[in-house]
N, C-alpha and C. Protein backbone atom coordinates (compact mmCIF):
# COMPACT_ATOMS: atom_id res chain seq x y z
N UNK A 1 17.80 -14.87 -4.04
CA UNK A 1 18.23 -14.18 -2.82
C UNK A 1 18.68 -12.77 -3.17
N UNK A 2 18.10 -11.74 -2.54
CA UNK A 2 18.52 -10.37 -2.74
C UNK A 2 19.84 -10.14 -2.03
N UNK A 3 20.71 -9.36 -2.67
CA UNK A 3 22.03 -9.15 -2.09
C UNK A 3 21.94 -8.44 -0.75
N UNK A 4 22.65 -8.97 0.26
CA UNK A 4 22.65 -8.39 1.59
C UNK A 4 23.83 -7.44 1.74
N UNK A 5 23.86 -6.72 2.87
CA UNK A 5 24.93 -5.77 3.12
C UNK A 5 24.41 -4.35 3.03
N UNK A 6 25.30 -3.42 3.28
CA UNK A 6 24.93 -2.00 3.29
C UNK A 6 25.15 -1.41 1.91
N UNK A 7 24.07 -0.95 1.24
CA UNK A 7 24.26 -0.34 -0.08
C UNK A 7 25.19 0.86 0.00
N UNK A 8 26.12 0.95 -0.94
CA UNK A 8 27.09 2.03 -0.95
C UNK A 8 28.36 1.69 -0.23
N UNK A 9 28.29 0.74 0.71
CA UNK A 9 29.50 0.34 1.46
C UNK A 9 29.92 -1.07 1.10
N UNK A 10 28.98 -2.02 1.16
CA UNK A 10 29.29 -3.41 0.85
C UNK A 10 29.12 -3.72 -0.64
N UNK A 11 28.36 -2.90 -1.34
CA UNK A 11 28.20 -3.02 -2.79
C UNK A 11 27.71 -1.68 -3.30
N UNK A 12 27.92 -1.35 -4.57
CA UNK A 12 27.48 -0.06 -5.09
C UNK A 12 25.96 0.04 -5.14
N UNK A 13 25.46 1.24 -4.95
CA UNK A 13 24.02 1.46 -5.01
C UNK A 13 23.55 1.51 -6.46
N UNK A 14 22.27 1.28 -6.65
CA UNK A 14 21.68 1.38 -7.98
C UNK A 14 21.74 2.84 -8.47
N UNK A 15 21.88 3.00 -9.80
CA UNK A 15 21.91 4.30 -10.46
C UNK A 15 23.13 5.12 -10.09
N UNK A 16 24.26 4.46 -9.78
CA UNK A 16 25.51 5.16 -9.51
C UNK A 16 26.56 4.75 -10.54
N UNK A 17 27.57 5.59 -10.68
CA UNK A 17 28.67 5.33 -11.61
C UNK A 17 29.74 4.50 -10.91
N UNK A 18 30.28 3.51 -11.63
CA UNK A 18 31.35 2.68 -11.09
C UNK A 18 32.48 2.56 -12.12
N UNK A 19 33.70 2.41 -11.62
CA UNK A 19 34.83 2.00 -12.44
C UNK A 19 34.86 0.48 -12.46
N UNK A 20 35.16 -0.10 -13.60
CA UNK A 20 35.31 -1.54 -13.72
C UNK A 20 36.73 -1.84 -14.19
N UNK A 21 37.48 -2.58 -13.40
CA UNK A 21 38.82 -3.00 -13.75
C UNK A 21 38.77 -4.48 -14.14
N UNK A 22 39.29 -4.79 -15.32
CA UNK A 22 39.22 -6.15 -15.85
C UNK A 22 40.57 -6.82 -15.69
N UNK A 23 40.59 -7.97 -15.02
CA UNK A 23 41.81 -8.76 -14.90
C UNK A 23 42.98 -8.03 -14.28
N UNK A 24 42.73 -7.14 -13.33
CA UNK A 24 43.81 -6.43 -12.65
C UNK A 24 44.37 -5.27 -13.43
N UNK A 25 43.74 -4.88 -14.54
CA UNK A 25 44.21 -3.76 -15.35
C UNK A 25 44.15 -2.46 -14.56
N UNK A 26 45.07 -1.53 -14.88
CA UNK A 26 45.05 -0.20 -14.27
C UNK A 26 44.24 0.79 -15.10
N UNK A 27 43.70 0.36 -16.25
CA UNK A 27 42.90 1.23 -17.10
C UNK A 27 41.42 0.94 -16.86
N UNK A 28 40.72 1.83 -16.16
CA UNK A 28 39.33 1.53 -15.80
C UNK A 28 38.37 1.70 -16.96
N UNK A 29 37.30 0.94 -16.92
CA UNK A 29 36.15 1.14 -17.79
C UNK A 29 35.07 1.83 -16.97
N UNK A 30 34.24 2.59 -17.65
CA UNK A 30 33.18 3.32 -16.97
C UNK A 30 31.85 2.61 -17.17
N UNK A 31 31.12 2.37 -16.07
CA UNK A 31 29.83 1.69 -16.12
C UNK A 31 28.84 2.39 -15.21
N UNK A 32 27.58 2.00 -15.37
CA UNK A 32 26.47 2.55 -14.57
C UNK A 32 25.71 1.37 -13.98
N UNK A 33 25.46 1.41 -12.69
CA UNK A 33 24.74 0.32 -12.02
C UNK A 33 23.26 0.43 -12.36
N UNK A 34 22.76 -0.56 -13.08
CA UNK A 34 21.34 -0.59 -13.43
C UNK A 34 20.49 -1.11 -12.27
N UNK A 35 20.93 -2.21 -11.66
CA UNK A 35 20.16 -2.76 -10.55
C UNK A 35 21.02 -3.76 -9.77
N UNK A 36 20.58 -4.03 -8.55
CA UNK A 36 21.22 -5.02 -7.68
C UNK A 36 20.15 -6.04 -7.33
N UNK A 37 20.39 -7.32 -7.73
CA UNK A 37 19.33 -8.31 -7.56
C UNK A 37 19.92 -9.71 -7.49
N UNK A 38 19.26 -10.57 -6.74
CA UNK A 38 19.59 -12.00 -6.71
C UNK A 38 21.07 -12.25 -6.43
N UNK A 39 21.67 -11.41 -5.59
CA UNK A 39 23.07 -11.58 -5.25
C UNK A 39 24.02 -11.04 -6.28
N UNK A 40 23.51 -10.54 -7.40
CA UNK A 40 24.34 -10.03 -8.49
C UNK A 40 24.20 -8.52 -8.62
N UNK A 41 25.13 -7.91 -9.36
CA UNK A 41 25.10 -6.49 -9.67
C UNK A 41 25.07 -6.37 -11.19
N UNK A 42 24.05 -5.72 -11.73
CA UNK A 42 23.90 -5.57 -13.17
C UNK A 42 24.36 -4.16 -13.56
N UNK A 43 25.39 -4.08 -14.40
CA UNK A 43 25.95 -2.79 -14.81
C UNK A 43 25.94 -2.70 -16.34
N UNK A 44 25.94 -1.49 -16.86
CA UNK A 44 26.06 -1.32 -18.31
C UNK A 44 27.44 -1.78 -18.75
N UNK A 45 27.54 -2.21 -20.00
CA UNK A 45 28.82 -2.67 -20.53
C UNK A 45 29.84 -1.55 -20.41
N UNK A 46 31.04 -1.89 -19.91
CA UNK A 46 32.06 -0.89 -19.66
C UNK A 46 32.56 -0.22 -20.92
N UNK A 47 32.85 1.10 -20.80
CA UNK A 47 33.40 1.87 -21.90
C UNK A 47 34.82 2.31 -21.56
N UNK A 48 35.70 2.32 -22.58
CA UNK A 48 37.07 2.78 -22.35
C UNK A 48 37.16 4.28 -22.55
N UNK A 49 38.38 4.84 -22.55
CA UNK A 49 38.56 6.29 -22.65
C UNK A 49 38.06 6.85 -23.96
N UNK A 50 37.98 6.02 -24.98
CA UNK A 50 37.47 6.47 -26.29
C UNK A 50 35.98 6.24 -26.42
N UNK A 51 35.32 5.93 -25.29
CA UNK A 51 33.89 5.69 -25.24
C UNK A 51 33.46 4.48 -26.07
N UNK A 52 34.37 3.52 -26.21
CA UNK A 52 34.05 2.28 -26.91
C UNK A 52 33.67 1.21 -25.90
N UNK A 53 32.62 0.45 -26.23
CA UNK A 53 32.26 -0.69 -25.38
C UNK A 53 33.31 -1.76 -25.48
N UNK A 54 33.64 -2.37 -24.38
CA UNK A 54 34.71 -3.37 -24.32
C UNK A 54 34.09 -4.76 -24.18
N UNK A 55 34.64 -5.70 -24.92
CA UNK A 55 34.16 -7.09 -24.84
C UNK A 55 34.93 -7.83 -23.75
N UNK A 56 34.21 -8.45 -22.84
CA UNK A 56 34.80 -9.23 -21.75
C UNK A 56 34.14 -10.60 -21.74
N UNK A 57 34.93 -11.65 -21.52
CA UNK A 57 34.42 -13.01 -21.55
C UNK A 57 33.78 -13.38 -20.21
N UNK A 58 32.73 -14.19 -20.28
CA UNK A 58 32.12 -14.71 -19.07
C UNK A 58 33.17 -15.43 -18.23
N UNK A 59 33.16 -15.16 -16.94
CA UNK A 59 34.12 -15.77 -16.03
C UNK A 59 35.33 -14.92 -15.75
N UNK A 60 35.55 -13.85 -16.53
CA UNK A 60 36.73 -13.00 -16.31
C UNK A 60 36.61 -12.28 -14.97
N UNK A 61 37.74 -12.14 -14.25
CA UNK A 61 37.72 -11.43 -12.97
C UNK A 61 37.60 -9.92 -13.18
N UNK A 62 36.83 -9.28 -12.31
CA UNK A 62 36.61 -7.84 -12.36
C UNK A 62 36.80 -7.23 -10.97
N UNK A 63 36.95 -5.93 -10.96
CA UNK A 63 36.94 -5.17 -9.71
C UNK A 63 36.05 -3.96 -9.93
N UNK A 64 35.07 -3.75 -9.06
CA UNK A 64 34.20 -2.58 -9.11
C UNK A 64 34.69 -1.56 -8.09
N UNK A 65 34.82 -0.30 -8.51
CA UNK A 65 35.27 0.77 -7.63
C UNK A 65 34.23 1.89 -7.68
N UNK A 66 33.79 2.37 -6.52
CA UNK A 66 32.78 3.40 -6.46
C UNK A 66 33.00 4.28 -5.23
N UNK A 67 32.30 5.41 -5.21
CA UNK A 67 32.39 6.36 -4.11
C UNK A 67 31.35 6.04 -3.05
N UNK A 68 31.81 5.77 -1.82
CA UNK A 68 30.90 5.58 -0.69
C UNK A 68 30.78 6.91 0.05
N UNK A 69 30.23 6.87 1.25
CA UNK A 69 29.97 8.11 1.98
C UNK A 69 31.25 8.88 2.28
N UNK A 70 32.33 8.17 2.63
CA UNK A 70 33.54 8.87 3.06
C UNK A 70 34.81 8.37 2.39
N UNK A 71 34.70 7.39 1.48
CA UNK A 71 35.89 6.84 0.84
C UNK A 71 35.50 6.09 -0.42
N UNK A 72 36.51 5.76 -1.22
CA UNK A 72 36.28 4.87 -2.35
C UNK A 72 36.21 3.44 -1.84
N UNK A 73 35.35 2.62 -2.46
CA UNK A 73 35.21 1.22 -2.10
C UNK A 73 35.49 0.35 -3.31
N UNK A 74 35.92 -0.87 -3.06
CA UNK A 74 36.29 -1.81 -4.12
C UNK A 74 35.70 -3.17 -3.81
N UNK A 75 35.16 -3.83 -4.85
CA UNK A 75 34.54 -5.13 -4.68
C UNK A 75 35.06 -6.09 -5.73
N UNK A 76 35.70 -7.21 -5.35
CA UNK A 76 36.12 -8.21 -6.34
C UNK A 76 34.91 -8.96 -6.87
N UNK A 77 34.94 -9.29 -8.15
CA UNK A 77 33.78 -9.94 -8.76
C UNK A 77 34.22 -10.66 -10.03
N UNK A 78 33.26 -11.31 -10.68
CA UNK A 78 33.51 -11.91 -11.99
C UNK A 78 32.27 -11.71 -12.85
N UNK A 79 32.49 -11.69 -14.16
CA UNK A 79 31.38 -11.55 -15.10
C UNK A 79 30.73 -12.90 -15.30
N UNK A 80 29.42 -12.97 -15.09
CA UNK A 80 28.72 -14.25 -15.26
C UNK A 80 27.84 -14.27 -16.51
N UNK A 81 27.47 -13.09 -17.05
CA UNK A 81 26.63 -13.09 -18.25
C UNK A 81 26.57 -11.68 -18.84
N UNK A 82 26.36 -11.65 -20.15
CA UNK A 82 26.04 -10.40 -20.85
C UNK A 82 24.60 -10.51 -21.32
N UNK A 83 23.76 -9.54 -20.97
CA UNK A 83 22.34 -9.67 -21.22
C UNK A 83 21.74 -8.33 -21.61
N UNK A 84 20.56 -8.38 -22.22
CA UNK A 84 19.84 -7.17 -22.61
C UNK A 84 19.02 -6.67 -21.44
N UNK A 85 18.95 -5.34 -21.34
CA UNK A 85 18.13 -4.72 -20.31
C UNK A 85 17.03 -3.91 -20.96
N UNK A 86 16.20 -3.29 -20.15
CA UNK A 86 15.11 -2.47 -20.67
C UNK A 86 15.68 -1.31 -21.48
N UNK A 87 14.97 -0.93 -22.53
CA UNK A 87 15.42 0.17 -23.35
C UNK A 87 16.48 -0.21 -24.36
N UNK A 88 16.80 -1.50 -24.46
CA UNK A 88 17.78 -1.95 -25.43
C UNK A 88 19.21 -1.87 -24.96
N UNK A 89 19.45 -1.42 -23.72
CA UNK A 89 20.81 -1.35 -23.18
C UNK A 89 21.36 -2.75 -22.98
N UNK A 90 22.64 -2.93 -23.29
CA UNK A 90 23.31 -4.21 -23.04
C UNK A 90 24.07 -4.10 -21.73
N UNK A 91 23.91 -5.10 -20.88
CA UNK A 91 24.47 -5.04 -19.53
C UNK A 91 25.32 -6.27 -19.21
N UNK A 92 26.17 -6.09 -18.23
CA UNK A 92 26.93 -7.20 -17.66
C UNK A 92 26.29 -7.60 -16.32
N UNK A 93 26.13 -8.90 -16.12
CA UNK A 93 25.73 -9.40 -14.80
C UNK A 93 27.00 -9.81 -14.07
N UNK A 94 27.25 -9.14 -12.97
CA UNK A 94 28.50 -9.30 -12.22
C UNK A 94 28.21 -9.93 -10.87
N UNK A 95 29.00 -10.94 -10.50
CA UNK A 95 28.78 -11.64 -9.23
C UNK A 95 29.98 -11.43 -8.30
N UNK A 96 29.77 -10.87 -7.12
CA UNK A 96 30.88 -10.66 -6.18
C UNK A 96 31.56 -11.97 -5.80
N UNK A 97 32.87 -11.91 -5.63
CA UNK A 97 33.65 -13.09 -5.24
C UNK A 97 34.32 -12.91 -3.88
N UNK A 98 34.08 -11.80 -3.24
CA UNK A 98 34.68 -11.54 -1.93
C UNK A 98 34.09 -10.28 -1.34
N UNK A 99 34.52 -9.90 -0.14
CA UNK A 99 33.97 -8.71 0.52
C UNK A 99 34.54 -7.42 -0.06
N UNK A 100 33.80 -6.33 0.13
CA UNK A 100 34.27 -5.02 -0.31
C UNK A 100 35.33 -4.49 0.65
N UNK A 101 36.21 -3.63 0.12
CA UNK A 101 37.27 -3.03 0.92
C UNK A 101 37.51 -1.62 0.40
N UNK A 102 38.44 -0.92 1.03
CA UNK A 102 38.80 0.42 0.57
C UNK A 102 39.36 0.33 -0.85
N UNK A 103 38.93 1.24 -1.73
CA UNK A 103 39.35 1.19 -3.12
C UNK A 103 40.18 2.40 -3.51
N UNK A 104 40.62 2.40 -4.77
CA UNK A 104 41.43 3.49 -5.31
C UNK A 104 41.04 3.70 -6.77
N UNK A 105 40.78 4.94 -7.14
CA UNK A 105 40.42 5.27 -8.52
C UNK A 105 41.70 5.54 -9.30
N UNK A 106 41.77 5.02 -10.54
CA UNK A 106 43.01 5.07 -11.31
C UNK A 106 43.12 6.30 -12.21
N UNK A 107 42.07 6.68 -12.95
CA UNK A 107 42.21 7.76 -13.92
C UNK A 107 40.86 8.38 -14.23
N UNK A 108 40.89 9.42 -15.06
CA UNK A 108 39.68 10.17 -15.38
C UNK A 108 39.20 9.82 -16.79
N UNK A 109 37.88 9.94 -16.99
CA UNK A 109 37.27 9.73 -18.30
C UNK A 109 36.73 11.07 -18.78
N UNK A 110 37.00 11.40 -20.04
CA UNK A 110 36.65 12.70 -20.61
C UNK A 110 35.52 12.54 -21.62
N UNK A 111 34.63 13.54 -21.67
CA UNK A 111 33.53 13.51 -22.63
C UNK A 111 33.46 14.84 -23.38
N UNK A 112 33.11 14.80 -24.68
CA UNK A 112 32.97 16.02 -25.46
C UNK A 112 31.63 16.69 -25.19
N UNK A 113 31.55 17.48 -24.13
CA UNK A 113 30.30 18.11 -23.71
C UNK A 113 30.43 19.62 -23.75
N UNK A 114 29.38 20.28 -24.23
CA UNK A 114 29.32 21.73 -24.27
C UNK A 114 28.49 22.21 -23.08
N UNK A 115 29.18 22.66 -22.03
CA UNK A 115 28.53 23.11 -20.80
C UNK A 115 28.90 24.57 -20.55
N UNK A 116 27.95 25.33 -20.04
CA UNK A 116 28.24 26.73 -19.74
C UNK A 116 29.27 26.86 -18.65
N UNK A 117 30.21 27.79 -18.82
CA UNK A 117 31.24 28.03 -17.82
C UNK A 117 31.51 29.52 -17.71
N UNK A 118 31.73 29.99 -16.50
CA UNK A 118 32.12 31.38 -16.28
C UNK A 118 33.30 31.42 -15.33
N UNK A 119 34.10 32.48 -15.45
CA UNK A 119 35.30 32.63 -14.63
C UNK A 119 35.47 34.09 -14.24
N UNK A 120 36.24 34.27 -13.18
CA UNK A 120 36.54 35.63 -12.72
C UNK A 120 35.26 36.43 -12.48
N UNK A 121 34.36 35.81 -11.68
CA UNK A 121 33.10 36.46 -11.29
C UNK A 121 32.30 36.93 -12.49
N UNK A 122 32.33 36.14 -13.57
CA UNK A 122 31.54 36.45 -14.76
C UNK A 122 32.25 37.31 -15.78
N UNK A 123 33.50 37.71 -15.52
CA UNK A 123 34.23 38.52 -16.49
C UNK A 123 34.50 37.72 -17.76
N UNK A 124 34.69 36.41 -17.61
CA UNK A 124 34.88 35.50 -18.74
C UNK A 124 33.71 34.53 -18.76
N UNK A 125 33.12 34.34 -19.95
CA UNK A 125 32.00 33.41 -20.09
C UNK A 125 32.16 32.62 -21.37
N UNK A 126 31.71 31.38 -21.35
CA UNK A 126 31.79 30.57 -22.55
C UNK A 126 31.26 29.18 -22.32
N UNK A 127 31.84 28.21 -23.02
CA UNK A 127 31.40 26.82 -22.92
C UNK A 127 32.60 25.89 -22.91
N UNK A 128 32.40 24.72 -22.36
CA UNK A 128 33.44 23.70 -22.41
C UNK A 128 33.43 23.02 -23.78
N UNK A 129 34.59 22.52 -24.18
CA UNK A 129 34.72 21.68 -25.36
C UNK A 129 34.66 20.22 -24.93
N UNK A 130 35.35 19.91 -23.85
CA UNK A 130 35.26 18.60 -23.22
C UNK A 130 35.55 18.78 -21.73
N UNK A 131 35.22 17.76 -20.95
CA UNK A 131 35.39 17.86 -19.51
C UNK A 131 35.58 16.49 -18.90
N UNK A 132 36.35 16.43 -17.82
CA UNK A 132 36.50 15.23 -17.00
C UNK A 132 36.66 15.70 -15.57
N UNK A 133 36.76 14.76 -14.63
CA UNK A 133 36.98 15.14 -13.24
C UNK A 133 38.36 15.74 -13.03
N UNK A 134 39.25 15.63 -14.02
CA UNK A 134 40.59 16.21 -13.92
C UNK A 134 40.63 17.65 -14.39
N UNK A 135 39.72 18.05 -15.29
CA UNK A 135 39.74 19.40 -15.81
C UNK A 135 38.90 19.53 -17.06
N UNK A 136 39.06 20.63 -17.79
CA UNK A 136 38.27 20.83 -19.01
C UNK A 136 39.05 21.66 -20.01
N UNK A 137 38.57 21.58 -21.25
CA UNK A 137 38.99 22.48 -22.31
C UNK A 137 37.78 23.34 -22.65
N UNK A 138 37.99 24.65 -22.75
CA UNK A 138 36.84 25.52 -22.97
C UNK A 138 37.18 26.72 -23.82
N UNK A 139 36.14 27.34 -24.37
CA UNK A 139 36.26 28.55 -25.18
C UNK A 139 35.55 29.66 -24.43
N UNK A 140 36.28 30.76 -24.16
CA UNK A 140 35.76 31.84 -23.34
C UNK A 140 35.76 33.16 -24.10
N UNK A 141 34.79 34.01 -23.78
CA UNK A 141 34.73 35.37 -24.30
C UNK A 141 35.04 36.34 -23.17
N UNK A 142 35.80 37.38 -23.48
CA UNK A 142 36.12 38.39 -22.49
C UNK A 142 37.15 39.35 -23.02
N UNK A 143 37.38 40.45 -22.32
CA UNK A 143 38.33 41.45 -22.81
C UNK A 143 39.76 40.95 -22.89
N UNK A 144 40.14 40.09 -21.99
CA UNK A 144 41.51 39.55 -21.98
C UNK A 144 41.45 38.11 -21.49
N UNK A 145 42.06 37.21 -22.24
CA UNK A 145 42.02 35.81 -21.88
C UNK A 145 43.02 35.44 -20.81
N UNK A 146 42.79 34.36 -20.10
CA UNK A 146 43.74 33.92 -19.08
C UNK A 146 45.03 33.42 -19.70
N UNK A 147 46.11 33.54 -18.93
CA UNK A 147 47.42 33.08 -19.37
C UNK A 147 47.75 31.74 -18.73
N UNK A 148 48.66 31.01 -19.34
CA UNK A 148 49.11 29.75 -18.77
C UNK A 148 49.68 30.02 -17.38
N UNK A 149 49.24 29.24 -16.41
CA UNK A 149 49.67 29.43 -15.03
C UNK A 149 48.69 30.20 -14.18
N UNK A 150 47.74 30.91 -14.82
CA UNK A 150 46.73 31.64 -14.05
C UNK A 150 45.84 30.66 -13.28
N UNK A 151 45.45 31.05 -12.08
CA UNK A 151 44.53 30.27 -11.26
C UNK A 151 43.21 31.04 -11.20
N UNK A 152 42.12 30.38 -11.59
CA UNK A 152 40.82 31.04 -11.72
C UNK A 152 39.76 30.34 -10.89
N UNK A 153 38.83 31.11 -10.39
CA UNK A 153 37.61 30.56 -9.80
C UNK A 153 36.57 30.44 -10.90
N UNK A 154 36.01 29.25 -11.07
CA UNK A 154 35.07 29.02 -12.17
C UNK A 154 33.77 28.42 -11.64
N UNK A 155 32.73 28.59 -12.46
CA UNK A 155 31.44 27.94 -12.21
C UNK A 155 31.06 27.21 -13.50
N UNK A 156 30.83 25.91 -13.40
CA UNK A 156 30.44 25.11 -14.56
C UNK A 156 29.00 24.66 -14.37
N UNK A 157 28.18 24.91 -15.38
CA UNK A 157 26.78 24.49 -15.34
C UNK A 157 26.69 23.04 -15.80
N UNK A 158 26.55 22.12 -14.85
CA UNK A 158 26.52 20.70 -15.19
C UNK A 158 25.15 20.28 -15.71
N UNK A 159 24.12 21.03 -15.41
CA UNK A 159 22.78 20.74 -15.93
C UNK A 159 22.33 19.29 -15.73
N UNK A 160 21.87 18.86 -14.56
CA UNK A 160 21.51 19.72 -13.44
C UNK A 160 22.67 19.97 -12.49
N UNK A 161 22.54 21.05 -11.74
CA UNK A 161 23.53 21.38 -10.73
C UNK A 161 24.67 22.22 -11.28
N UNK A 162 25.38 22.88 -10.36
CA UNK A 162 26.53 23.70 -10.72
C UNK A 162 27.76 23.19 -9.99
N UNK A 163 28.90 23.33 -10.62
CA UNK A 163 30.18 23.01 -10.01
C UNK A 163 30.94 24.30 -9.79
N UNK A 164 31.24 24.61 -8.54
CA UNK A 164 32.06 25.78 -8.19
C UNK A 164 33.45 25.25 -7.84
N UNK A 165 34.46 25.70 -8.57
CA UNK A 165 35.79 25.10 -8.42
C UNK A 165 36.88 26.11 -8.73
N UNK A 166 38.10 25.69 -8.45
CA UNK A 166 39.29 26.46 -8.81
C UNK A 166 40.06 25.67 -9.86
N UNK A 167 40.54 26.36 -10.89
CA UNK A 167 41.31 25.70 -11.94
C UNK A 167 42.62 26.44 -12.18
N UNK A 168 43.59 25.71 -12.71
CA UNK A 168 44.85 26.29 -13.16
C UNK A 168 44.91 26.12 -14.67
N UNK A 169 45.19 27.20 -15.38
CA UNK A 169 45.28 27.15 -16.84
C UNK A 169 46.60 26.49 -17.24
N UNK A 170 46.52 25.42 -18.02
CA UNK A 170 47.70 24.66 -18.39
C UNK A 170 48.13 24.88 -19.84
N UNK A 171 47.20 25.41 -20.68
CA UNK A 171 47.55 25.59 -22.09
C UNK A 171 46.57 26.54 -22.75
N UNK A 172 47.08 27.35 -23.68
CA UNK A 172 46.21 28.16 -24.55
C UNK A 172 46.26 27.59 -25.96
N UNK A 173 45.12 27.59 -26.64
CA UNK A 173 45.03 27.05 -27.99
C UNK A 173 44.75 28.21 -28.96
N UNK A 174 45.59 28.39 -29.98
CA UNK A 174 45.43 29.52 -30.90
C UNK A 174 44.08 29.48 -31.61
N UNK A 175 43.47 30.66 -31.76
CA UNK A 175 42.22 30.82 -32.49
C UNK A 175 42.32 32.08 -33.34
N UNK A 176 41.54 32.11 -34.41
CA UNK A 176 41.56 33.27 -35.32
C UNK A 176 40.37 34.19 -35.11
N UNK A 177 39.48 33.85 -34.17
CA UNK A 177 38.25 34.63 -34.01
C UNK A 177 38.27 35.54 -32.79
N UNK A 178 39.41 35.65 -32.12
CA UNK A 178 39.50 36.54 -30.98
C UNK A 178 39.01 35.96 -29.67
N UNK A 179 38.48 34.77 -29.69
CA UNK A 179 38.03 34.12 -28.46
C UNK A 179 39.22 33.42 -27.79
N UNK A 180 39.04 33.01 -26.54
CA UNK A 180 40.13 32.44 -25.76
C UNK A 180 39.86 30.96 -25.49
N UNK A 181 40.62 30.07 -26.11
CA UNK A 181 40.46 28.64 -25.89
C UNK A 181 41.60 28.15 -25.02
N UNK A 182 41.25 27.51 -23.88
CA UNK A 182 42.25 27.10 -22.91
C UNK A 182 41.97 25.69 -22.41
N UNK A 183 43.02 25.04 -21.94
CA UNK A 183 42.89 23.82 -21.16
C UNK A 183 43.18 24.17 -19.71
N UNK A 184 42.40 23.61 -18.80
CA UNK A 184 42.56 23.92 -17.38
C UNK A 184 42.35 22.66 -16.56
N UNK A 185 43.10 22.56 -15.48
CA UNK A 185 42.94 21.42 -14.57
C UNK A 185 42.32 21.90 -13.26
N UNK A 186 41.48 21.04 -12.69
CA UNK A 186 40.90 21.37 -11.40
C UNK A 186 41.97 21.30 -10.30
N UNK A 187 41.89 22.24 -9.38
CA UNK A 187 42.85 22.29 -8.27
C UNK A 187 42.15 21.81 -7.00
N UNK A 188 42.64 20.70 -6.46
CA UNK A 188 42.14 20.15 -5.20
C UNK A 188 40.61 20.04 -5.21
N UNK A 189 40.09 19.45 -6.29
CA UNK A 189 38.65 19.26 -6.39
C UNK A 189 38.21 18.18 -5.40
N UNK A 190 37.27 18.47 -4.51
CA UNK A 190 36.83 17.46 -3.54
C UNK A 190 36.31 16.21 -4.24
N UNK A 191 36.43 15.09 -3.56
CA UNK A 191 36.04 13.83 -4.19
C UNK A 191 34.55 13.81 -4.52
N UNK A 192 33.72 14.44 -3.70
CA UNK A 192 32.29 14.50 -4.00
C UNK A 192 32.06 15.27 -5.29
N UNK A 193 32.81 16.35 -5.49
CA UNK A 193 32.68 17.12 -6.72
C UNK A 193 33.20 16.32 -7.91
N UNK A 194 34.28 15.55 -7.71
CA UNK A 194 34.78 14.68 -8.77
C UNK A 194 33.70 13.70 -9.21
N UNK A 195 33.00 13.13 -8.25
CA UNK A 195 31.93 12.19 -8.58
C UNK A 195 30.79 12.89 -9.31
N UNK A 196 30.52 14.14 -8.93
CA UNK A 196 29.47 14.91 -9.61
C UNK A 196 29.83 15.10 -11.09
N UNK A 197 31.09 15.45 -11.35
CA UNK A 197 31.53 15.62 -12.74
C UNK A 197 31.51 14.28 -13.46
N UNK A 198 31.99 13.24 -12.79
CA UNK A 198 32.06 11.92 -13.41
C UNK A 198 30.67 11.42 -13.81
N UNK A 199 29.68 11.64 -12.94
CA UNK A 199 28.32 11.23 -13.26
C UNK A 199 27.79 12.00 -14.46
N UNK A 200 28.10 13.31 -14.52
CA UNK A 200 27.64 14.11 -15.67
C UNK A 200 28.32 13.65 -16.96
N UNK A 201 29.61 13.33 -16.87
CA UNK A 201 30.35 12.83 -18.03
C UNK A 201 29.70 11.55 -18.55
N UNK A 202 29.41 10.63 -17.65
CA UNK A 202 28.86 9.36 -18.07
C UNK A 202 27.46 9.53 -18.66
N UNK A 203 26.64 10.39 -18.04
CA UNK A 203 25.31 10.64 -18.58
C UNK A 203 25.41 11.25 -19.98
N UNK A 204 26.38 12.15 -20.16
CA UNK A 204 26.58 12.74 -21.47
C UNK A 204 27.01 11.73 -22.52
N UNK A 205 27.89 10.82 -22.14
CA UNK A 205 28.35 9.79 -23.06
C UNK A 205 27.19 8.88 -23.46
N UNK A 206 26.34 8.54 -22.51
CA UNK A 206 25.19 7.69 -22.82
C UNK A 206 24.25 8.40 -23.79
N UNK A 207 24.03 9.71 -23.58
CA UNK A 207 23.15 10.46 -24.47
C UNK A 207 23.74 10.55 -25.87
N UNK A 208 25.03 10.80 -25.98
CA UNK A 208 25.67 10.88 -27.29
C UNK A 208 25.60 9.55 -28.02
N UNK A 209 25.75 8.46 -27.27
CA UNK A 209 25.68 7.14 -27.89
C UNK A 209 24.26 6.85 -28.40
N UNK A 210 23.25 7.23 -27.60
CA UNK A 210 21.87 7.01 -28.04
C UNK A 210 21.55 7.80 -29.30
N UNK A 211 22.17 8.96 -29.45
CA UNK A 211 21.93 9.80 -30.62
C UNK A 211 22.82 9.42 -31.81
N UNK A 212 23.64 8.38 -31.63
CA UNK A 212 24.50 7.92 -32.71
C UNK A 212 25.68 8.83 -32.99
N UNK A 213 26.09 9.62 -31.99
CA UNK A 213 27.19 10.57 -32.19
C UNK A 213 28.52 10.04 -31.67
N UNK A 214 28.53 8.80 -31.15
CA UNK A 214 29.77 8.18 -30.68
C UNK A 214 29.97 6.88 -31.47
């Protein structure tokens, strides 16, 4: 039986990023929906903040959290099997145990990605060191670096797509080469943009893992 309901509202759509909460934990794991079939949802094995795959026992209760059209959604479920998927990916087969409801995202996942970034209408240009939906650390070139507390308009090249956002500089990191290394947090980043960053982070983590760099 193919799973019924509205994709994106009653269950996550295929090829989308989901948070997986195990046993009521507040620390989410990051997964990718491979497919929805036979009443089940097949997702990649969840990764923690250190990008490590987490072992979960068959039968353990889970909660899937994802972005729908206008809100976060949550679906109670349990793990029924760990299985191999195409391309050698290891996946969890998850079976819903109740209806979906409004959800809440707990925290951000960060990835060590080098993405092009510019600030102050191109006056500062450089690359990120790492990035999450909460903010980024980056190295910038320019005549004068931003100070802690400065609020900047930035453009991040997510490849594909661009993120246009506002950030607040929270920290400067000393360097000996004259470049400006800063940590910055996103200011009132829309949830759709958060999901855009989150998807890029997860895709980057998957690529790094395939290359043996994680």
